[in-house]
mmCIF file of all heavy atoms, coordinates in Angstrom:
data_MODEL
# 
_entry.id   MODEL 
# 
loop_
_atom_site.group_PDB 
_atom_site.id 
_atom_site.type_symbol 
_atom_site.label_atom_id 
_atom_site.label_alt_id 
_atom_site.label_comp_id 
_atom_site.label_asym_id 
_atom_site.label_entity_id 
_atom_site.label_seq_id 
_atom_site.pdbx_PDB_ins_code 
_atom_site.Cartn_x 
_atom_site.Cartn_y 
_atom_site.Cartn_z 
_atom_site.occupancy 
_atom_site.B_iso_or_equiv 
_atom_site.pdbx_formal_charge 
_atom_site.auth_seq_id 
_atom_site.auth_comp_id 
_atom_site.auth_asym_id 
_atom_site.auth_atom_id 
_atom_site.pdbx_PDB_model_num 
ATOM 1   N N   . ASP A 1 1  ? 77.647 -51.724 -12.475 1.00 0.00 ? 1  ASP A N   1 
ATOM 2   C CA  . ASP A 1 1  ? 78.607 -52.112 -13.598 1.00 0.00 ? 1  ASP A CA  1 
ATOM 3   C C   . ASP A 1 1  ? 77.846 -52.202 -14.944 1.00 0.00 ? 1  ASP A C   1 
ATOM 4   O O   . ASP A 1 1  ? 78.406 -52.920 -15.901 1.00 0.00 ? 1  ASP A O   1 
ATOM 5   C CB  . ASP A 1 1  ? 79.433 -53.260 -13.261 1.00 0.00 ? 1  ASP A CB  1 
ATOM 6   C CG  . ASP A 1 1  ? 80.574 -52.909 -12.252 1.00 0.00 ? 1  ASP A CG  1 
ATOM 7   O OD1 . ASP A 1 1  ? 80.787 -51.818 -11.919 1.00 0.00 ? 1  ASP A OD1 1 
ATOM 8   O OD2 . ASP A 1 1  ? 81.026 -53.922 -11.611 1.00 0.00 ? 1  ASP A OD2 1 
ATOM 9   N N   . ASP A 1 2  ? 76.710 -51.803 -15.028 1.00 0.00 ? 2  ASP A N   1 
ATOM 10  C CA  . ASP A 1 2  ? 76.070 -51.730 -16.336 1.00 0.00 ? 2  ASP A CA  1 
ATOM 11  C C   . ASP A 1 2  ? 76.481 -50.464 -17.070 1.00 0.00 ? 2  ASP A C   1 
ATOM 12  O O   . ASP A 1 2  ? 76.656 -49.429 -16.495 1.00 0.00 ? 2  ASP A O   1 
ATOM 13  C CB  . ASP A 1 2  ? 74.520 -51.694 -16.136 1.00 0.00 ? 2  ASP A CB  1 
ATOM 14  C CG  . ASP A 1 2  ? 73.874 -52.797 -15.440 1.00 0.00 ? 2  ASP A CG  1 
ATOM 15  O OD1 . ASP A 1 2  ? 74.330 -53.910 -15.780 1.00 0.00 ? 2  ASP A OD1 1 
ATOM 16  O OD2 . ASP A 1 2  ? 72.991 -52.715 -14.691 1.00 0.00 ? 2  ASP A OD2 1 
ATOM 17  N N   . THR A 1 3  ? 76.712 -50.548 -18.388 1.00 0.00 ? 3  THR A N   1 
ATOM 18  C CA  . THR A 1 3  ? 77.239 -49.523 -19.098 1.00 0.00 ? 3  THR A CA  1 
ATOM 19  C C   . THR A 1 3  ? 76.171 -49.013 -20.041 1.00 0.00 ? 3  THR A C   1 
ATOM 20  O O   . THR A 1 3  ? 75.467 -49.665 -20.784 1.00 0.00 ? 3  THR A O   1 
ATOM 21  C CB  . THR A 1 3  ? 78.452 -50.025 -20.119 1.00 0.00 ? 3  THR A CB  1 
ATOM 22  O OG1 . THR A 1 3  ? 79.481 -50.422 -19.233 1.00 0.00 ? 3  THR A OG1 1 
ATOM 23  C CG2 . THR A 1 3  ? 78.955 -48.814 -20.906 1.00 0.00 ? 3  THR A CG2 1 
ATOM 24  N N   . THR A 1 4  ? 76.122 -47.623 -20.091 1.00 0.00 ? 4  THR A N   1 
ATOM 25  C CA  . THR A 1 4  ? 75.218 -46.945 -20.944 1.00 0.00 ? 4  THR A CA  1 
ATOM 26  C C   . THR A 1 4  ? 76.121 -46.060 -21.820 1.00 0.00 ? 4  THR A C   1 
ATOM 27  O O   . THR A 1 4  ? 76.967 -45.260 -21.414 1.00 0.00 ? 4  THR A O   1 
ATOM 28  C CB  . THR A 1 4  ? 74.283 -46.044 -20.178 1.00 0.00 ? 4  THR A CB  1 
ATOM 29  O OG1 . THR A 1 4  ? 73.373 -46.897 -19.387 1.00 0.00 ? 4  THR A OG1 1 
ATOM 30  C CG2 . THR A 1 4  ? 73.366 -45.266 -21.295 1.00 0.00 ? 4  THR A CG2 1 
ATOM 31  N N   . TYR A 1 5  ? 75.892 -46.171 -23.212 1.00 0.00 ? 5  TYR A N   1 
ATOM 32  C CA  . TYR A 1 5  ? 76.602 -45.389 -24.094 1.00 0.00 ? 5  TYR A CA  1 
ATOM 33  C C   . TYR A 1 5  ? 75.833 -44.127 -24.494 1.00 0.00 ? 5  TYR A C   1 
ATOM 34  O O   . TYR A 1 5  ? 74.770 -44.168 -24.969 1.00 0.00 ? 5  TYR A O   1 
ATOM 35  C CB  . TYR A 1 5  ? 76.980 -46.100 -25.303 1.00 0.00 ? 5  TYR A CB  1 
ATOM 36  C CG  . TYR A 1 5  ? 78.048 -47.203 -25.102 1.00 0.00 ? 5  TYR A CG  1 
ATOM 37  C CD1 . TYR A 1 5  ? 77.702 -48.553 -24.736 1.00 0.00 ? 5  TYR A CD1 1 
ATOM 38  C CD2 . TYR A 1 5  ? 79.488 -46.995 -25.263 1.00 0.00 ? 5  TYR A CD2 1 
ATOM 39  C CE1 . TYR A 1 5  ? 78.662 -49.475 -24.475 1.00 0.00 ? 5  TYR A CE1 1 
ATOM 40  C CE2 . TYR A 1 5  ? 80.394 -47.937 -24.990 1.00 0.00 ? 5  TYR A CE2 1 
ATOM 41  C CZ  . TYR A 1 5  ? 79.978 -49.134 -24.559 1.00 0.00 ? 5  TYR A CZ  1 
ATOM 42  O OH  . TYR A 1 5  ? 80.944 -50.148 -24.355 1.00 0.00 ? 5  TYR A OH  1 
ATOM 43  N N   . TYR A 1 6  ? 76.530 -42.916 -24.472 1.00 0.00 ? 6  TYR A N   1 
ATOM 44  C CA  . TYR A 1 6  ? 75.947 -41.700 -24.863 1.00 0.00 ? 6  TYR A CA  1 
ATOM 45  C C   . TYR A 1 6  ? 76.341 -41.198 -26.137 1.00 0.00 ? 6  TYR A C   1 
ATOM 46  O O   . TYR A 1 6  ? 75.713 -40.395 -26.768 1.00 0.00 ? 6  TYR A O   1 
ATOM 47  C CB  . TYR A 1 6  ? 76.209 -40.652 -23.744 1.00 0.00 ? 6  TYR A CB  1 
ATOM 48  C CG  . TYR A 1 6  ? 75.675 -40.936 -22.319 1.00 0.00 ? 6  TYR A CG  1 
ATOM 49  C CD1 . TYR A 1 6  ? 76.507 -40.869 -21.356 1.00 0.00 ? 6  TYR A CD1 1 
ATOM 50  C CD2 . TYR A 1 6  ? 74.396 -41.324 -22.148 1.00 0.00 ? 6  TYR A CD2 1 
ATOM 51  C CE1 . TYR A 1 6  ? 76.015 -41.261 -19.996 1.00 0.00 ? 6  TYR A CE1 1 
ATOM 52  C CE2 . TYR A 1 6  ? 73.828 -41.586 -20.916 1.00 0.00 ? 6  TYR A CE2 1 
ATOM 53  C CZ  . TYR A 1 6  ? 74.682 -41.569 -19.860 1.00 0.00 ? 6  TYR A CZ  1 
ATOM 54  O OH  . TYR A 1 6  ? 74.228 -41.886 -18.692 1.00 0.00 ? 6  TYR A OH  1 
ATOM 55  N N   . THR A 1 7  ? 77.427 -41.780 -26.649 1.00 0.00 ? 7  THR A N   1 
ATOM 56  C CA  . THR A 1 7  ? 77.965 -41.426 -28.007 1.00 0.00 ? 7  THR A CA  1 
ATOM 57  C C   . THR A 1 7  ? 78.038 -42.749 -28.837 1.00 0.00 ? 7  THR A C   1 
ATOM 58  O O   . THR A 1 7  ? 78.832 -43.631 -28.460 1.00 0.00 ? 7  THR A O   1 
ATOM 59  C CB  . THR A 1 7  ? 79.330 -40.806 -27.943 1.00 0.00 ? 7  THR A CB  1 
ATOM 60  O OG1 . THR A 1 7  ? 79.249 -39.509 -27.199 1.00 0.00 ? 7  THR A OG1 1 
ATOM 61  C CG2 . THR A 1 7  ? 79.787 -40.506 -29.286 1.00 0.00 ? 7  THR A CG2 1 
ATOM 62  N N   . ASP A 1 8  ? 77.230 -42.794 -29.853 1.00 0.00 ? 8  ASP A N   1 
ATOM 63  C CA  . ASP A 1 8  ? 77.134 -44.065 -30.638 1.00 0.00 ? 8  ASP A CA  1 
ATOM 64  C C   . ASP A 1 8  ? 78.569 -44.435 -31.246 1.00 0.00 ? 8  ASP A C   1 
ATOM 65  O O   . ASP A 1 8  ? 78.936 -45.607 -31.463 1.00 0.00 ? 8  ASP A O   1 
ATOM 66  C CB  . ASP A 1 8  ? 76.184 -43.926 -31.854 1.00 0.00 ? 8  ASP A CB  1 
ATOM 67  C CG  . ASP A 1 8  ? 74.811 -43.968 -31.280 1.00 0.00 ? 8  ASP A CG  1 
ATOM 68  O OD1 . ASP A 1 8  ? 74.574 -44.438 -30.162 1.00 0.00 ? 8  ASP A OD1 1 
ATOM 69  O OD2 . ASP A 1 8  ? 73.918 -43.523 -31.980 1.00 0.00 ? 8  ASP A OD2 1 
ATOM 70  N N   . SER A 1 9  ? 79.388 -43.396 -31.599 1.00 0.00 ? 9  SER A N   1 
ATOM 71  C CA  . SER A 1 9  ? 80.643 -43.640 -32.316 1.00 0.00 ? 9  SER A CA  1 
ATOM 72  C C   . SER A 1 9  ? 81.593 -44.353 -31.481 1.00 0.00 ? 9  SER A C   1 
ATOM 73  O O   . SER A 1 9  ? 82.589 -44.866 -32.029 1.00 0.00 ? 9  SER A O   1 
ATOM 74  C CB  . SER A 1 9  ? 81.243 -42.223 -32.669 1.00 0.00 ? 9  SER A CB  1 
ATOM 75  O OG  . SER A 1 9  ? 81.566 -41.478 -31.573 1.00 0.00 ? 9  SER A OG  1 
ATOM 76  N N   . VAL A 1 10 ? 81.403 -44.421 -30.092 1.00 0.00 ? 10 VAL A N   1 
ATOM 77  C CA  . VAL A 1 10 ? 82.390 -45.141 -29.303 1.00 0.00 ? 10 VAL A CA  1 
ATOM 78  C C   . VAL A 1 10 ? 81.963 -46.593 -28.913 1.00 0.00 ? 10 VAL A C   1 
ATOM 79  O O   . VAL A 1 10 ? 82.758 -47.336 -28.338 1.00 0.00 ? 10 VAL A O   1 
ATOM 80  C CB  . VAL A 1 10 ? 82.779 -44.426 -28.014 1.00 0.00 ? 10 VAL A CB  1 
ATOM 81  C CG1 . VAL A 1 10 ? 83.129 -42.996 -28.267 1.00 0.00 ? 10 VAL A CG1 1 
ATOM 82  C CG2 . VAL A 1 10 ? 81.581 -44.385 -27.112 1.00 0.00 ? 10 VAL A CG2 1 
ATOM 83  N N   . LYS A 1 11 ? 80.696 -46.996 -29.340 1.00 0.00 ? 11 LYS A N   1 
ATOM 84  C CA  . LYS A 1 11 ? 80.357 -48.288 -29.113 1.00 0.00 ? 11 LYS A CA  1 
ATOM 85  C C   . LYS A 1 11 ? 81.215 -49.370 -29.790 1.00 0.00 ? 11 LYS A C   1 
ATOM 86  O O   . LYS A 1 11 ? 81.508 -49.175 -31.059 1.00 0.00 ? 11 LYS A O   1 
ATOM 87  C CB  . LYS A 1 11 ? 78.862 -48.494 -29.559 1.00 0.00 ? 11 LYS A CB  1 
ATOM 88  C CG  . LYS A 1 11 ? 77.837 -47.677 -28.742 1.00 0.00 ? 11 LYS A CG  1 
ATOM 89  C CD  . LYS A 1 11 ? 76.427 -47.988 -29.235 1.00 0.00 ? 11 LYS A CD  1 
ATOM 90  C CE  . LYS A 1 11 ? 75.392 -47.208 -28.391 1.00 0.00 ? 11 LYS A CE  1 
ATOM 91  N NZ  . LYS A 1 11 ? 74.081 -47.485 -28.917 1.00 0.00 ? 11 LYS A NZ  1 
ATOM 92  N N   . GLY A 1 12 ? 81.599 -50.452 -29.098 1.00 0.00 ? 12 GLY A N   1 
ATOM 93  C CA  . GLY A 1 12 ? 82.446 -51.343 -29.608 1.00 0.00 ? 12 GLY A CA  1 
ATOM 94  C C   . GLY A 1 12 ? 83.908 -51.048 -29.521 1.00 0.00 ? 12 GLY A C   1 
ATOM 95  O O   . GLY A 1 12 ? 84.801 -51.863 -29.878 1.00 0.00 ? 12 GLY A O   1 
ATOM 96  N N   . ARG A 1 13 ? 84.229 -49.766 -29.085 1.00 0.00 ? 13 ARG A N   1 
ATOM 97  C CA  . ARG A 1 13 ? 85.615 -49.305 -29.083 1.00 0.00 ? 13 ARG A CA  1 
ATOM 98  C C   . ARG A 1 13 ? 85.990 -48.955 -27.575 1.00 0.00 ? 13 ARG A C   1 
ATOM 99  O O   . ARG A 1 13 ? 87.177 -49.184 -27.246 1.00 0.00 ? 13 ARG A O   1 
ATOM 100 C CB  . ARG A 1 13 ? 85.823 -48.136 -30.030 1.00 0.00 ? 13 ARG A CB  1 
ATOM 101 C CG  . ARG A 1 13 ? 85.599 -48.498 -31.360 1.00 0.00 ? 13 ARG A CG  1 
ATOM 102 C CD  . ARG A 1 13 ? 86.060 -47.288 -32.382 1.00 0.00 ? 13 ARG A CD  1 
ATOM 103 N NE  . ARG A 1 13 ? 85.423 -46.029 -32.166 1.00 0.00 ? 13 ARG A NE  1 
ATOM 104 C CZ  . ARG A 1 13 ? 86.044 -44.914 -31.693 1.00 0.00 ? 13 ARG A CZ  1 
ATOM 105 N NH1 . ARG A 1 13 ? 87.313 -44.913 -31.488 1.00 0.00 ? 13 ARG A NH1 1 
ATOM 106 N NH2 . ARG A 1 13 ? 85.163 -43.859 -31.487 1.00 0.00 ? 13 ARG A NH2 1 
ATOM 107 N N   . PHE A 1 14 ? 85.112 -48.357 -26.919 1.00 0.00 ? 14 PHE A N   1 
ATOM 108 C CA  . PHE A 1 14 ? 85.333 -47.834 -25.549 1.00 0.00 ? 14 PHE A CA  1 
ATOM 109 C C   . PHE A 1 14 ? 84.536 -48.795 -24.522 1.00 0.00 ? 14 PHE A C   1 
ATOM 110 O O   . PHE A 1 14 ? 83.482 -49.069 -24.638 1.00 0.00 ? 14 PHE A O   1 
ATOM 111 C CB  . PHE A 1 14 ? 84.898 -46.404 -25.298 1.00 0.00 ? 14 PHE A CB  1 
ATOM 112 C CG  . PHE A 1 14 ? 85.691 -45.401 -26.087 1.00 0.00 ? 14 PHE A CG  1 
ATOM 113 C CD1 . PHE A 1 14 ? 86.588 -45.775 -27.007 1.00 0.00 ? 14 PHE A CD1 1 
ATOM 114 C CD2 . PHE A 1 14 ? 85.489 -44.069 -25.783 1.00 0.00 ? 14 PHE A CD2 1 
ATOM 115 C CE1 . PHE A 1 14 ? 87.360 -44.801 -27.695 1.00 0.00 ? 14 PHE A CE1 1 
ATOM 116 C CE2 . PHE A 1 14 ? 86.140 -43.106 -26.421 1.00 0.00 ? 14 PHE A CE2 1 
ATOM 117 C CZ  . PHE A 1 14 ? 87.123 -43.418 -27.363 1.00 0.00 ? 14 PHE A CZ  1 
ATOM 118 N N   . THR A 1 15 ? 85.346 -49.104 -23.425 1.00 0.00 ? 15 THR A N   1 
ATOM 119 C CA  . THR A 1 15 ? 84.639 -49.880 -22.304 1.00 0.00 ? 15 THR A CA  1 
ATOM 120 C C   . THR A 1 15 ? 85.204 -49.195 -20.930 1.00 0.00 ? 15 THR A C   1 
ATOM 121 O O   . THR A 1 15 ? 86.305 -48.693 -21.001 1.00 0.00 ? 15 THR A O   1 
ATOM 122 C CB  . THR A 1 15 ? 84.832 -51.307 -22.292 1.00 0.00 ? 15 THR A CB  1 
ATOM 123 O OG1 . THR A 1 15 ? 86.338 -51.507 -22.317 1.00 0.00 ? 15 THR A OG1 1 
ATOM 124 C CG2 . THR A 1 15 ? 84.304 -51.946 -23.538 1.00 0.00 ? 15 THR A CG2 1 
ATOM 125 N N   . SER A 1 16 ? 84.364 -49.313 -19.942 1.00 0.00 ? 16 SER A N   1 
ATOM 126 C CA  . SER A 1 16 ? 84.787 -48.881 -18.635 1.00 0.00 ? 16 SER A CA  1 
ATOM 127 C C   . SER A 1 16 ? 84.650 -50.035 -17.680 1.00 0.00 ? 16 SER A C   1 
ATOM 128 O O   . SER A 1 16 ? 83.818 -50.911 -17.754 1.00 0.00 ? 16 SER A O   1 
ATOM 129 C CB  . SER A 1 16 ? 83.907 -47.741 -18.130 1.00 0.00 ? 16 SER A CB  1 
ATOM 130 O OG  . SER A 1 16 ? 84.351 -47.090 -16.978 1.00 0.00 ? 16 SER A OG  1 
ATOM 131 N N   . SER A 1 17 ? 85.600 -49.971 -16.605 1.00 0.00 ? 17 SER A N   1 
ATOM 132 C CA  . SER A 1 17 ? 85.496 -51.014 -15.612 1.00 0.00 ? 17 SER A CA  1 
ATOM 133 C C   . SER A 1 17 ? 86.085 -50.427 -14.334 1.00 0.00 ? 17 SER A C   1 
ATOM 134 O O   . SER A 1 17 ? 86.555 -49.392 -14.228 1.00 0.00 ? 17 SER A O   1 
ATOM 135 C CB  . SER A 1 17 ? 86.462 -52.196 -16.182 1.00 0.00 ? 17 SER A CB  1 
ATOM 136 O OG  . SER A 1 17 ? 87.799 -51.808 -16.292 1.00 0.00 ? 17 SER A OG  1 
ATOM 137 N N   . ARG A 1 18 ? 85.857 -51.248 -13.229 1.00 0.00 ? 18 ARG A N   1 
ATOM 138 C CA  . ARG A 1 18 ? 86.198 -50.820 -11.914 1.00 0.00 ? 18 ARG A CA  1 
ATOM 139 C C   . ARG A 1 18 ? 87.191 -51.775 -11.283 1.00 0.00 ? 18 ARG A C   1 
ATOM 140 O O   . ARG A 1 18 ? 87.171 -52.964 -11.583 1.00 0.00 ? 18 ARG A O   1 
ATOM 141 C CB  . ARG A 1 18 ? 84.973 -50.746 -10.946 1.00 0.00 ? 18 ARG A CB  1 
ATOM 142 C CG  . ARG A 1 18 ? 83.817 -49.842 -11.434 1.00 0.00 ? 18 ARG A CG  1 
ATOM 143 C CD  . ARG A 1 18 ? 82.709 -50.078 -10.520 1.00 0.00 ? 18 ARG A CD  1 
ATOM 144 N NE  . ARG A 1 18 ? 81.508 -49.296 -10.838 1.00 0.00 ? 18 ARG A NE  1 
ATOM 145 C CZ  . ARG A 1 18 ? 81.229 -48.087 -10.315 1.00 0.00 ? 18 ARG A CZ  1 
ATOM 146 N NH1 . ARG A 1 18 ? 81.991 -47.560 -9.307  1.00 0.00 ? 18 ARG A NH1 1 
ATOM 147 N NH2 . ARG A 1 18 ? 80.143 -47.408 -10.736 1.00 0.00 ? 18 ARG A NH2 1 
ATOM 148 N N   . ASP A 1 19 ? 88.052 -51.179 -10.523 1.00 0.00 ? 19 ASP A N   1 
ATOM 149 C CA  . ASP A 1 19 ? 88.975 -51.983 -9.530  1.00 0.00 ? 19 ASP A CA  1 
ATOM 150 C C   . ASP A 1 19 ? 88.674 -51.384 -8.276  1.00 0.00 ? 19 ASP A C   1 
ATOM 151 O O   . ASP A 1 19 ? 89.246 -50.488 -7.802  1.00 0.00 ? 19 ASP A O   1 
ATOM 152 C CB  . ASP A 1 19 ? 90.392 -51.848 -10.022 1.00 0.00 ? 19 ASP A CB  1 
ATOM 153 C CG  . ASP A 1 19 ? 91.311 -52.808 -9.285  1.00 0.00 ? 19 ASP A CG  1 
ATOM 154 O OD1 . ASP A 1 19 ? 90.934 -53.257 -8.173  1.00 0.00 ? 19 ASP A OD1 1 
ATOM 155 O OD2 . ASP A 1 19 ? 92.545 -53.169 -9.720  1.00 0.00 ? 19 ASP A OD2 1 
ATOM 156 N N   . ASN A 1 20 ? 87.819 -52.126 -7.452  1.00 0.00 ? 20 ASN A N   1 
ATOM 157 C CA  . ASN A 1 20 ? 87.431 -51.585 -6.211  1.00 0.00 ? 20 ASN A CA  1 
ATOM 158 C C   . ASN A 1 20 ? 88.580 -51.605 -5.233  1.00 0.00 ? 20 ASN A C   1 
ATOM 159 O O   . ASN A 1 20 ? 88.666 -50.757 -4.350  1.00 0.00 ? 20 ASN A O   1 
ATOM 160 C CB  . ASN A 1 20 ? 86.283 -52.477 -5.564  1.00 0.00 ? 20 ASN A CB  1 
ATOM 161 C CG  . ASN A 1 20 ? 85.017 -52.244 -6.268  1.00 0.00 ? 20 ASN A CG  1 
ATOM 162 O OD1 . ASN A 1 20 ? 84.748 -51.253 -6.954  1.00 0.00 ? 20 ASN A OD1 1 
ATOM 163 N ND2 . ASN A 1 20 ? 84.164 -53.315 -6.354  1.00 0.00 ? 20 ASN A ND2 1 
ATOM 164 N N   . ALA A 1 21 ? 89.560 -52.535 -5.247  1.00 0.00 ? 21 ALA A N   1 
ATOM 165 C CA  . ALA A 1 21 ? 90.689 -52.575 -4.478  1.00 0.00 ? 21 ALA A CA  1 
ATOM 166 C C   . ALA A 1 21 ? 91.546 -51.328 -4.555  1.00 0.00 ? 21 ALA A C   1 
ATOM 167 O O   . ALA A 1 21 ? 92.210 -50.856 -3.646  1.00 0.00 ? 21 ALA A O   1 
ATOM 168 C CB  . ALA A 1 21 ? 91.485 -53.830 -4.725  1.00 0.00 ? 21 ALA A CB  1 
ATOM 169 N N   . LYS A 1 22 ? 91.512 -50.798 -5.735  1.00 0.00 ? 22 LYS A N   1 
ATOM 170 C CA  . LYS A 1 22 ? 92.311 -49.548 -6.015  1.00 0.00 ? 22 LYS A CA  1 
ATOM 171 C C   . LYS A 1 22 ? 91.477 -48.287 -6.061  1.00 0.00 ? 22 LYS A C   1 
ATOM 172 O O   . LYS A 1 22 ? 92.017 -47.223 -6.232  1.00 0.00 ? 22 LYS A O   1 
ATOM 173 C CB  . LYS A 1 22 ? 93.134 -49.764 -7.323  1.00 0.00 ? 22 LYS A CB  1 
ATOM 174 C CG  . LYS A 1 22 ? 94.117 -50.831 -7.327  1.00 0.00 ? 22 LYS A CG  1 
ATOM 175 C CD  . LYS A 1 22 ? 94.771 -50.851 -8.716  1.00 0.00 ? 22 LYS A CD  1 
ATOM 176 C CE  . LYS A 1 22 ? 95.866 -51.969 -8.846  1.00 0.00 ? 22 LYS A CE  1 
ATOM 177 N NZ  . LYS A 1 22 ? 96.479 -52.031 -10.082 1.00 0.00 ? 22 LYS A NZ  1 
ATOM 178 N N   . ASN A 1 23 ? 90.182 -48.452 -5.804  1.00 0.00 ? 23 ASN A N   1 
ATOM 179 C CA  . ASN A 1 23 ? 89.184 -47.298 -5.793  1.00 0.00 ? 23 ASN A CA  1 
ATOM 180 C C   . ASN A 1 23 ? 89.466 -46.520 -7.157  1.00 0.00 ? 23 ASN A C   1 
ATOM 181 O O   . ASN A 1 23 ? 89.461 -45.232 -7.200  1.00 0.00 ? 23 ASN A O   1 
ATOM 182 C CB  . ASN A 1 23 ? 89.465 -46.385 -4.629  1.00 0.00 ? 23 ASN A CB  1 
ATOM 183 C CG  . ASN A 1 23 ? 88.138 -45.695 -4.215  1.00 0.00 ? 23 ASN A CG  1 
ATOM 184 O OD1 . ASN A 1 23 ? 87.110 -46.131 -4.364  1.00 0.00 ? 23 ASN A OD1 1 
ATOM 185 N ND2 . ASN A 1 23 ? 88.356 -44.594 -3.519  1.00 0.00 ? 23 ASN A ND2 1 
ATOM 186 N N   . THR A 1 24 ? 89.447 -47.304 -8.199  1.00 0.00 ? 24 THR A N   1 
ATOM 187 C CA  . THR A 1 24 ? 89.803 -46.768 -9.525  1.00 0.00 ? 24 THR A CA  1 
ATOM 188 C C   . THR A 1 24 ? 88.855 -47.239 -10.628 1.00 0.00 ? 24 THR A C   1 
ATOM 189 O O   . THR A 1 24 ? 88.339 -48.400 -10.588 1.00 0.00 ? 24 THR A O   1 
ATOM 190 C CB  . THR A 1 24 ? 91.299 -47.143 -9.934  1.00 0.00 ? 24 THR A CB  1 
ATOM 191 O OG1 . THR A 1 24 ? 92.241 -46.675 -8.979  1.00 0.00 ? 24 THR A OG1 1 
ATOM 192 C CG2 . THR A 1 24 ? 91.584 -46.594 -11.326 1.00 0.00 ? 24 THR A CG2 1 
# 
């Protein structure tokens, strides 16, 4: 669950997360 940003323009605006119970 470590995040690496490949596009600087989305830093501070986009985040990703997991819900293992929903496999999503």
